[in-house]
């Protein structure tokens, strides 16, 4: 999904939350089949090698990160809900959030599936500029087990901000 947005003239950044669900777990951890989500930002702001104190965006333009700063992916480090609970991820949030959403097991079983927690991401923009945000999820290396993302809580912020995760 590619959207073109005009920022309010008093907004210096925006934020959103994302949650990734997958049926890939536990069959394919650390495998080439790595479903991913990216949020690519095209803006007038300069690129920087790493998010830092200046108002810039990553060189690859991806502004979506998991809880430890990695990609939002099945092989990411922050799966917190999963079947079976505890292997290979710690699954500290149990399994309740997977029940009844279609990602808690393949073929109708409730023996696999996982999700990240809600991930808060924010990014700087130039006040009043028109920018593009491209939201992309893909099924890496296979066509059998699906993943999906939920996006919510898009907000404008009136203070400059850098790329960050919470």
N, C-alpha and C. Protein backbone atom coordinates (compact mmCIF):
# COMPACT_ATOMS: atom_id res chain seq x y z
N UNK A 1 0.85 -1.16 0.00
CA UNK A 1 0.00 0.00 0.00
C UNK A 1 0.91 1.23 0.00
N UNK A 2 0.76 2.08 -0.99
CA UNK A 2 1.54 3.31 -1.07
C UNK A 2 0.58 4.48 -0.91
N UNK A 3 0.87 5.33 0.08
CA UNK A 3 0.01 6.48 0.31
C UNK A 3 0.85 7.76 0.28
N UNK A 4 0.25 8.80 -0.23
CA UNK A 4 0.86 10.12 -0.27
C UNK A 4 0.13 10.98 0.75
N UNK A 5 0.89 11.60 1.65
CA UNK A 5 0.31 12.34 2.77
C UNK A 5 0.93 13.73 2.83
N UNK A 6 0.11 14.73 3.04
CA UNK A 6 0.63 16.08 3.28
C UNK A 6 0.62 16.29 4.79
N UNK A 7 1.77 16.58 5.34
CA UNK A 7 1.91 16.80 6.78
C UNK A 7 1.33 18.15 7.16
N UNK A 8 0.75 18.26 8.33
CA UNK A 8 0.34 19.57 8.81
C UNK A 8 1.56 20.50 8.93
N UNK A 9 1.35 21.77 8.79
CA UNK A 9 2.47 22.71 8.81
C UNK A 9 3.13 22.84 10.18
N UNK A 10 2.48 22.34 11.22
CA UNK A 10 3.09 22.40 12.55
C UNK A 10 3.56 21.02 13.04
N UNK A 11 3.52 20.01 12.18
CA UNK A 11 3.95 18.66 12.58
C UNK A 11 5.40 18.42 12.17
N UNK A 12 6.19 17.89 13.10
CA UNK A 12 7.59 17.58 12.83
C UNK A 12 7.86 16.07 12.77
N UNK A 13 6.87 15.26 13.15
CA UNK A 13 7.04 13.81 13.09
C UNK A 13 5.67 13.15 13.17
N UNK A 14 5.65 11.84 12.92
CA UNK A 14 4.43 11.05 13.06
C UNK A 14 4.81 9.71 13.68
N UNK A 15 3.80 9.02 14.19
CA UNK A 15 4.04 7.69 14.76
C UNK A 15 2.88 6.78 14.41
N UNK A 16 3.12 5.48 14.55
CA UNK A 16 2.10 4.46 14.36
C UNK A 16 2.53 3.22 15.14
N UNK A 17 1.61 2.31 15.33
CA UNK A 17 1.95 1.03 15.94
C UNK A 17 1.66 -0.07 14.93
N UNK A 18 2.43 -1.15 15.03
CA UNK A 18 2.27 -2.29 14.12
C UNK A 18 2.40 -3.57 14.93
N UNK A 19 1.63 -4.58 14.54
CA UNK A 19 1.71 -5.90 15.19
C UNK A 19 1.73 -6.95 14.09
N UNK A 20 2.76 -7.79 14.10
CA UNK A 20 2.91 -8.84 13.10
C UNK A 20 2.45 -10.17 13.70
N UNK A 21 1.62 -10.88 12.93
CA UNK A 21 1.18 -12.23 13.26
C UNK A 21 1.71 -13.18 12.19
N UNK A 22 2.04 -14.41 12.58
CA UNK A 22 2.54 -15.36 11.60
C UNK A 22 2.13 -16.80 11.93
N UNK A 23 1.89 -17.57 10.89
CA UNK A 23 1.68 -19.01 11.03
C UNK A 23 2.98 -19.76 10.75
N UNK A 24 4.07 -19.04 10.51
CA UNK A 24 5.38 -19.65 10.22
C UNK A 24 6.02 -20.29 11.45
N UNK A 25 5.61 -19.89 12.63
CA UNK A 25 6.24 -20.33 13.87
C UNK A 25 5.59 -21.61 14.37
N UNK A 26 6.26 -22.60 14.89
CA UNK A 26 7.69 -22.72 15.09
C UNK A 26 8.39 -23.46 13.96
N UNK A 27 7.69 -23.68 12.84
CA UNK A 27 8.24 -24.47 11.74
C UNK A 27 9.48 -23.88 11.11
N UNK A 28 9.56 -22.55 11.06
CA UNK A 28 10.63 -21.95 10.27
C UNK A 28 11.43 -20.87 10.98
N UNK A 29 11.71 -20.97 12.27
CA UNK A 29 12.59 -19.95 12.85
C UNK A 29 14.00 -20.11 12.30
N UNK A 30 14.64 -18.99 12.05
CA UNK A 30 16.02 -18.97 11.56
C UNK A 30 16.18 -19.71 10.24
N UNK A 31 15.17 -19.66 9.39
CA UNK A 31 15.18 -20.29 8.08
C UNK A 31 15.09 -19.20 7.01
N UNK A 32 15.35 -19.55 5.74
CA UNK A 32 15.21 -18.56 4.67
C UNK A 32 13.79 -18.02 4.54
N UNK A 33 12.79 -18.81 4.94
CA UNK A 33 11.40 -18.35 4.88
C UNK A 33 11.19 -17.33 5.98
N UNK A 34 11.42 -16.07 5.68
CA UNK A 34 11.34 -15.02 6.69
C UNK A 34 10.37 -13.95 6.22
N UNK A 35 9.11 -14.07 6.57
CA UNK A 35 8.13 -13.05 6.22
C UNK A 35 8.51 -11.75 6.93
N UNK A 36 8.33 -10.63 6.22
CA UNK A 36 8.74 -9.33 6.76
C UNK A 36 7.72 -8.25 6.46
N UNK A 37 7.81 -7.19 7.27
CA UNK A 37 7.04 -5.98 7.05
C UNK A 37 8.00 -4.80 7.06
N UNK A 38 7.85 -3.88 6.11
CA UNK A 38 8.61 -2.65 6.10
C UNK A 38 7.67 -1.47 5.88
N UNK A 39 8.05 -0.32 6.38
CA UNK A 39 7.36 0.94 6.14
C UNK A 39 8.40 1.88 5.54
N UNK A 40 8.33 2.08 4.24
CA UNK A 40 9.33 2.87 3.52
C UNK A 40 8.86 4.32 3.40
N UNK A 41 9.67 5.23 3.89
CA UNK A 41 9.34 6.65 3.93
C UNK A 41 10.14 7.40 2.88
N UNK A 42 9.43 8.07 1.98
CA UNK A 42 10.07 8.96 1.00
C UNK A 42 9.75 10.39 1.43
N UNK A 43 10.79 11.11 1.81
CA UNK A 43 10.63 12.45 2.38
C UNK A 43 11.76 13.34 1.88
N UNK A 44 11.64 14.62 2.16
CA UNK A 44 12.70 15.56 1.78
C UNK A 44 13.86 15.55 2.78
N UNK A 45 13.71 14.87 3.89
CA UNK A 45 14.77 14.83 4.91
C UNK A 45 15.96 14.01 4.42
N UNK A 46 17.15 14.34 4.89
CA UNK A 46 18.33 13.59 4.45
C UNK A 46 18.39 12.19 5.06
N UNK A 47 19.14 11.33 4.40
CA UNK A 47 19.39 9.98 4.92
C UNK A 47 20.55 10.03 5.90
N UNK A 48 20.54 9.14 6.87
CA UNK A 48 21.65 9.01 7.80
C UNK A 48 21.96 7.53 7.98
N UNK A 49 23.21 7.19 8.28
CA UNK A 49 23.57 5.79 8.39
C UNK A 49 22.89 5.09 9.55
N UNK A 50 22.69 5.77 10.65
CA UNK A 50 22.04 5.20 11.82
C UNK A 50 21.13 6.27 12.41
N UNK A 51 19.97 5.89 12.95
CA UNK A 51 19.16 6.90 13.62
C UNK A 51 19.97 7.56 14.73
N UNK A 52 19.92 8.84 14.78
CA UNK A 52 20.72 9.57 15.75
C UNK A 52 20.05 10.85 16.17
N UNK A 53 20.80 11.77 16.71
CA UNK A 53 20.20 13.00 17.24
C UNK A 53 19.72 13.96 16.16
N UNK A 54 20.21 13.80 14.93
CA UNK A 54 19.77 14.72 13.89
C UNK A 54 18.47 14.23 13.26
N UNK A 55 17.78 15.14 12.59
CA UNK A 55 16.50 14.83 11.96
C UNK A 55 16.78 14.23 10.58
N UNK A 56 16.81 12.90 10.50
CA UNK A 56 17.10 12.21 9.26
C UNK A 56 16.43 10.84 9.29
N UNK A 57 16.45 10.15 8.16
CA UNK A 57 15.85 8.82 8.08
C UNK A 57 16.92 7.82 7.65
N UNK A 58 16.70 6.53 7.94
CA UNK A 58 17.70 5.53 7.54
C UNK A 58 17.92 5.53 6.03
N UNK A 59 19.12 5.17 5.61
CA UNK A 59 19.47 5.16 4.19
C UNK A 59 18.56 4.23 3.39
N UNK A 60 18.10 3.13 3.99
CA UNK A 60 17.20 2.22 3.27
C UNK A 60 15.75 2.66 3.33
N UNK A 61 15.44 3.75 3.98
CA UNK A 61 14.14 4.41 4.15
C UNK A 61 13.13 3.62 4.98
N UNK A 62 13.51 2.46 5.52
CA UNK A 62 12.59 1.69 6.35
C UNK A 62 12.53 2.30 7.75
N UNK A 63 11.31 2.61 8.21
CA UNK A 63 11.13 3.22 9.52
C UNK A 63 10.40 2.29 10.49
N UNK A 64 10.22 1.02 10.14
CA UNK A 64 9.54 0.05 11.02
C UNK A 64 10.57 -0.89 11.64
N UNK A 65 10.57 -0.96 12.97
CA UNK A 65 11.53 -1.79 13.69
C UNK A 65 10.83 -2.59 14.77
N UNK A 66 11.42 -3.74 15.12
CA UNK A 66 10.88 -4.51 16.24
C UNK A 66 11.39 -3.92 17.56
N UNK A 67 11.07 -4.55 18.66
CA UNK A 67 11.36 -4.01 19.98
C UNK A 67 12.84 -3.89 20.30
N UNK A 68 13.70 -4.55 19.52
CA UNK A 68 15.15 -4.45 19.76
C UNK A 68 15.87 -3.76 18.61
N UNK A 69 15.11 -3.08 17.73
CA UNK A 69 15.72 -2.32 16.64
C UNK A 69 15.98 -3.10 15.38
N UNK A 70 15.54 -4.35 15.32
CA UNK A 70 15.71 -5.17 14.12
C UNK A 70 14.50 -5.04 13.20
N UNK A 71 14.50 -5.80 12.11
CA UNK A 71 13.37 -5.75 11.19
C UNK A 71 12.12 -6.38 11.81
N UNK A 72 10.97 -5.93 11.36
CA UNK A 72 9.71 -6.55 11.78
C UNK A 72 9.57 -7.80 10.91
N UNK A 73 9.92 -8.95 11.48
CA UNK A 73 10.02 -10.18 10.70
C UNK A 73 9.75 -11.40 11.56
N UNK A 74 9.41 -12.50 10.89
CA UNK A 74 9.20 -13.76 11.58
C UNK A 74 10.46 -14.18 12.32
N UNK A 75 11.62 -13.97 11.72
CA UNK A 75 12.87 -14.33 12.37
C UNK A 75 13.40 -13.22 13.27
N UNK A 76 12.58 -12.23 13.56
CA UNK A 76 12.98 -11.16 14.47
C UNK A 76 13.12 -11.67 15.89
N UNK A 77 13.69 -10.85 16.72
CA UNK A 77 14.01 -11.27 18.08
C UNK A 77 12.88 -11.05 19.08
N UNK A 78 11.76 -10.51 18.65
CA UNK A 78 10.78 -10.12 19.66
C UNK A 78 9.41 -10.79 19.53
N UNK A 79 9.36 -12.05 19.12
CA UNK A 79 8.10 -12.79 19.19
C UNK A 79 7.77 -13.00 20.66
N UNK A 80 6.59 -12.55 21.09
CA UNK A 80 6.26 -12.65 22.52
C UNK A 80 5.02 -13.49 22.80
N UNK A 81 4.21 -13.77 21.78
CA UNK A 81 3.08 -14.68 21.92
C UNK A 81 3.32 -15.83 20.97
N UNK A 82 3.20 -17.07 21.43
CA UNK A 82 3.43 -18.16 20.49
C UNK A 82 2.91 -19.50 20.99
N UNK A 83 2.60 -20.37 20.00
CA UNK A 83 2.30 -21.78 20.20
C UNK A 83 3.45 -22.55 19.58
N UNK A 84 4.04 -23.54 20.16
CA UNK A 84 3.92 -23.85 21.58
C UNK A 84 4.69 -22.82 22.39
N UNK A 85 4.13 -22.46 23.50
CA UNK A 85 4.74 -21.41 24.33
C UNK A 85 6.13 -21.81 24.78
N UNK A 86 7.09 -20.93 24.54
CA UNK A 86 8.43 -21.12 25.07
C UNK A 86 9.47 -21.69 24.15
N UNK A 87 9.09 -22.14 22.93
CA UNK A 87 10.13 -22.69 22.06
C UNK A 87 9.97 -22.19 20.65
N UNK A 88 11.01 -21.67 19.96
CA UNK A 88 12.30 -21.31 20.49
C UNK A 88 12.32 -19.91 21.09
N UNK A 89 11.24 -19.15 20.95
CA UNK A 89 11.18 -17.81 21.55
C UNK A 89 10.67 -17.92 22.99
N UNK A 90 10.96 -16.93 23.84
CA UNK A 90 10.52 -17.00 25.22
C UNK A 90 9.00 -16.90 25.40
N UNK A 91 8.30 -16.26 24.48
CA UNK A 91 6.83 -16.19 24.49
C UNK A 91 6.28 -15.70 25.82
N UNK A 92 6.80 -14.59 26.30
CA UNK A 92 6.44 -14.07 27.61
C UNK A 92 4.98 -13.63 27.71
N UNK A 93 4.31 -13.40 26.56
CA UNK A 93 2.91 -12.96 26.59
C UNK A 93 1.93 -14.11 26.41
N UNK A 94 2.41 -15.36 26.45
CA UNK A 94 1.52 -16.51 26.38
C UNK A 94 0.93 -16.74 25.01
N UNK A 95 -0.33 -17.22 24.97
CA UNK A 95 -0.95 -17.61 23.71
C UNK A 95 -2.32 -16.97 23.47
N UNK A 96 -2.87 -16.30 24.44
CA UNK A 96 -4.24 -15.81 24.36
C UNK A 96 -4.49 -14.91 23.14
N UNK A 97 -3.54 -14.06 22.79
CA UNK A 97 -3.71 -13.16 21.66
C UNK A 97 -3.74 -13.83 20.31
N UNK A 98 -3.44 -15.11 20.24
CA UNK A 98 -3.44 -15.84 18.97
C UNK A 98 -4.74 -16.59 18.73
N UNK A 99 -5.53 -16.80 19.74
CA UNK A 99 -6.73 -17.62 19.61
C UNK A 99 -7.80 -16.89 18.81
N UNK A 100 -8.31 -17.54 17.77
CA UNK A 100 -9.42 -17.03 17.00
C UNK A 100 -9.09 -15.99 15.96
N UNK A 101 -7.81 -15.72 15.70
CA UNK A 101 -7.48 -14.71 14.69
C UNK A 101 -6.96 -15.31 13.40
N UNK A 102 -6.92 -16.63 13.28
CA UNK A 102 -6.47 -17.28 12.05
C UNK A 102 -4.97 -17.47 11.96
N UNK A 103 -4.22 -16.93 12.90
CA UNK A 103 -2.77 -17.09 12.88
C UNK A 103 -2.29 -17.98 14.01
N UNK A 104 -3.20 -18.59 14.72
CA UNK A 104 -2.84 -19.45 15.83
C UNK A 104 -2.77 -20.90 15.45
N UNK A 105 -2.42 -21.22 14.24
CA UNK A 105 -2.25 -22.62 13.86
C UNK A 105 -2.62 -22.87 12.43
N UNK A 106 -1.89 -23.77 11.79
CA UNK A 106 -2.21 -24.14 10.42
C UNK A 106 -3.22 -25.27 10.42
N UNK A 107 -4.00 -25.37 9.39
CA UNK A 107 -5.02 -26.40 9.23
C UNK A 107 -5.99 -26.44 10.41
N UNK A 108 -6.26 -25.29 11.01
CA UNK A 108 -7.22 -25.21 12.10
C UNK A 108 -6.71 -25.66 13.46
N UNK A 109 -5.46 -26.10 13.55
CA UNK A 109 -4.94 -26.54 14.84
C UNK A 109 -4.47 -25.33 15.64
N UNK A 110 -4.32 -25.50 16.91
CA UNK A 110 -3.79 -24.44 17.77
C UNK A 110 -2.46 -24.89 18.33
N UNK A 111 -1.60 -25.37 17.46
CA UNK A 111 -0.31 -25.90 17.90
C UNK A 111 0.87 -25.09 17.41
N UNK A 112 0.63 -24.05 16.64
CA UNK A 112 1.71 -23.19 16.18
C UNK A 112 1.18 -21.79 15.91
N UNK A 113 2.07 -20.87 15.56
CA UNK A 113 1.72 -19.49 15.32
C UNK A 113 2.40 -18.58 16.34
N UNK A 114 2.60 -17.31 15.98
CA UNK A 114 3.27 -16.38 16.88
C UNK A 114 2.95 -14.94 16.48
N UNK A 115 3.27 -14.02 17.39
CA UNK A 115 3.13 -12.60 17.08
C UNK A 115 4.15 -11.79 17.86
N UNK A 116 4.45 -10.62 17.31
CA UNK A 116 5.23 -9.61 18.01
C UNK A 116 4.28 -8.85 18.93
N UNK A 117 4.78 -8.13 19.91
CA UNK A 117 3.91 -7.21 20.65
C UNK A 117 3.57 -6.03 19.74
N UNK A 118 2.68 -5.16 20.19
CA UNK A 118 2.46 -3.91 19.46
C UNK A 118 3.78 -3.14 19.48
N UNK A 119 4.25 -2.75 18.31
CA UNK A 119 5.53 -2.05 18.17
C UNK A 119 5.26 -0.59 17.82
N UNK A 120 5.76 0.32 18.63
CA UNK A 120 5.59 1.76 18.43
C UNK A 120 6.76 2.26 17.59
N UNK A 121 6.47 2.90 16.48
CA UNK A 121 7.51 3.47 15.62
C UNK A 121 7.18 4.92 15.34
N UNK A 122 8.19 5.78 15.35
CA UNK A 122 7.98 7.16 14.96
C UNK A 122 9.08 7.62 14.02
N UNK A 123 8.76 8.64 13.25
CA UNK A 123 9.69 9.12 12.22
C UNK A 123 9.53 10.62 12.02
N UNK A 124 10.63 11.30 11.74
CA UNK A 124 10.57 12.74 11.48
C UNK A 124 10.07 13.03 10.06
N UNK A 125 9.48 14.18 9.89
CA UNK A 125 9.10 14.69 8.56
C UNK A 125 9.32 16.20 8.59
N UNK A 126 9.30 16.81 7.43
CA UNK A 126 9.39 18.27 7.35
C UNK A 126 7.98 18.84 7.44
N UNK A 127 7.75 19.86 8.27
CA UNK A 127 6.41 20.44 8.39
C UNK A 127 5.87 20.88 7.04
N UNK A 128 4.63 20.50 6.75
CA UNK A 128 3.95 20.91 5.53
C UNK A 128 4.34 20.17 4.27
N UNK A 129 5.31 19.27 4.33
CA UNK A 129 5.74 18.56 3.12
C UNK A 129 4.74 17.46 2.74
N UNK A 130 4.78 17.10 1.47
CA UNK A 130 4.04 15.93 1.01
C UNK A 130 5.04 14.79 0.91
N UNK A 131 4.78 13.71 1.63
CA UNK A 131 5.69 12.57 1.65
C UNK A 131 4.92 11.31 1.28
N UNK A 132 5.66 10.25 0.97
CA UNK A 132 5.03 8.97 0.66
C UNK A 132 5.42 7.95 1.70
N UNK A 133 4.46 7.13 2.08
CA UNK A 133 4.68 6.03 3.00
C UNK A 133 4.20 4.77 2.31
N UNK A 134 5.14 3.84 2.10
CA UNK A 134 4.82 2.57 1.44
C UNK A 134 4.87 1.46 2.48
N UNK A 135 3.74 0.79 2.69
CA UNK A 135 3.61 -0.26 3.68
C UNK A 135 3.60 -1.60 2.95
N UNK A 136 4.60 -2.44 3.25
CA UNK A 136 4.81 -3.66 2.47
C UNK A 136 4.99 -4.86 3.40
N UNK A 137 4.28 -5.94 3.14
CA UNK A 137 4.52 -7.21 3.82
C UNK A 137 4.68 -8.25 2.73
N UNK A 138 5.61 -9.18 2.94
CA UNK A 138 5.79 -10.23 1.95
C UNK A 138 6.06 -11.57 2.61
N UNK A 139 5.73 -12.59 1.85
CA UNK A 139 5.90 -13.97 2.26
C UNK A 139 7.23 -14.45 1.69
N UNK A 140 8.22 -14.57 2.56
CA UNK A 140 9.57 -14.88 2.09
C UNK A 140 9.83 -16.36 1.91
N UNK A 141 10.17 -16.75 0.70
CA UNK A 141 10.69 -18.07 0.38
C UNK A 141 9.66 -19.19 0.30
N UNK A 142 8.43 -18.95 0.69
CA UNK A 142 7.44 -20.02 0.58
C UNK A 142 6.09 -19.41 0.25
N UNK A 143 5.13 -20.26 0.01
CA UNK A 143 3.77 -19.81 -0.26
C UNK A 143 2.77 -20.59 0.60
N UNK A 144 3.27 -21.22 1.65
CA UNK A 144 2.41 -22.10 2.42
C UNK A 144 1.87 -21.47 3.70
N UNK A 145 2.70 -20.81 4.45
CA UNK A 145 2.29 -20.27 5.75
C UNK A 145 2.31 -18.75 5.69
N UNK A 146 1.22 -18.14 6.10
CA UNK A 146 1.05 -16.71 5.92
C UNK A 146 1.43 -15.89 7.16
N UNK A 147 1.62 -14.61 6.92
CA UNK A 147 1.82 -13.63 7.97
C UNK A 147 0.96 -12.42 7.63
N UNK A 148 0.65 -11.62 8.64
CA UNK A 148 -0.11 -10.40 8.42
C UNK A 148 0.32 -9.36 9.44
N UNK A 149 0.02 -8.10 9.15
CA UNK A 149 0.27 -7.03 10.10
C UNK A 149 -1.00 -6.23 10.33
N UNK A 150 -1.13 -5.73 11.54
CA UNK A 150 -2.16 -4.77 11.87
C UNK A 150 -1.47 -3.44 12.13
N UNK A 151 -2.03 -2.37 11.59
CA UNK A 151 -1.50 -1.02 11.78
C UNK A 151 -2.55 -0.20 12.51
N UNK A 152 -2.11 0.64 13.45
CA UNK A 152 -3.07 1.42 14.24
C UNK A 152 -2.38 2.66 14.79
N UNK A 153 -3.18 3.55 15.34
CA UNK A 153 -2.75 4.69 16.14
C UNK A 153 -1.80 5.64 15.40
N UNK A 154 -2.10 5.96 14.14
CA UNK A 154 -1.30 6.96 13.42
C UNK A 154 -1.53 8.31 14.08
N UNK A 155 -0.43 9.01 14.43
CA UNK A 155 -0.53 10.31 15.10
C UNK A 155 0.52 11.27 14.57
N UNK A 156 0.16 12.55 14.54
CA UNK A 156 1.11 13.62 14.25
C UNK A 156 1.70 14.11 15.55
N UNK A 157 2.96 14.56 15.51
CA UNK A 157 3.60 15.11 16.69
C UNK A 157 4.14 16.50 16.37
N UNK A 158 4.05 17.40 17.33
CA UNK A 158 4.42 18.79 17.11
C UNK A 158 5.83 19.11 17.51
N UNK A 159 6.59 18.12 17.86
CA UNK A 159 8.00 18.35 18.20
C UNK A 159 8.86 17.49 17.30
N UNK A 160 10.08 17.96 16.96
CA UNK A 160 10.94 17.14 16.14
C UNK A 160 11.26 15.83 16.85
N UNK A 161 11.42 14.80 16.08
CA UNK A 161 11.76 13.52 16.66
C UNK A 161 12.70 12.80 15.72
N UNK A 162 13.39 11.81 16.24
CA UNK A 162 14.25 10.97 15.42
C UNK A 162 13.58 9.62 15.28
N UNK A 163 14.07 8.79 14.40
CA UNK A 163 13.59 7.43 14.27
C UNK A 163 13.81 6.73 15.60
N UNK A 164 12.76 6.15 16.15
CA UNK A 164 12.95 5.45 17.41
C UNK A 164 11.91 4.36 17.56
N UNK A 165 12.16 3.48 18.50
CA UNK A 165 11.24 2.41 18.84
C UNK A 165 10.96 2.48 20.33
N UNK A 166 9.82 2.01 20.74
CA UNK A 166 9.46 2.00 22.16
C UNK A 166 8.88 0.65 22.51
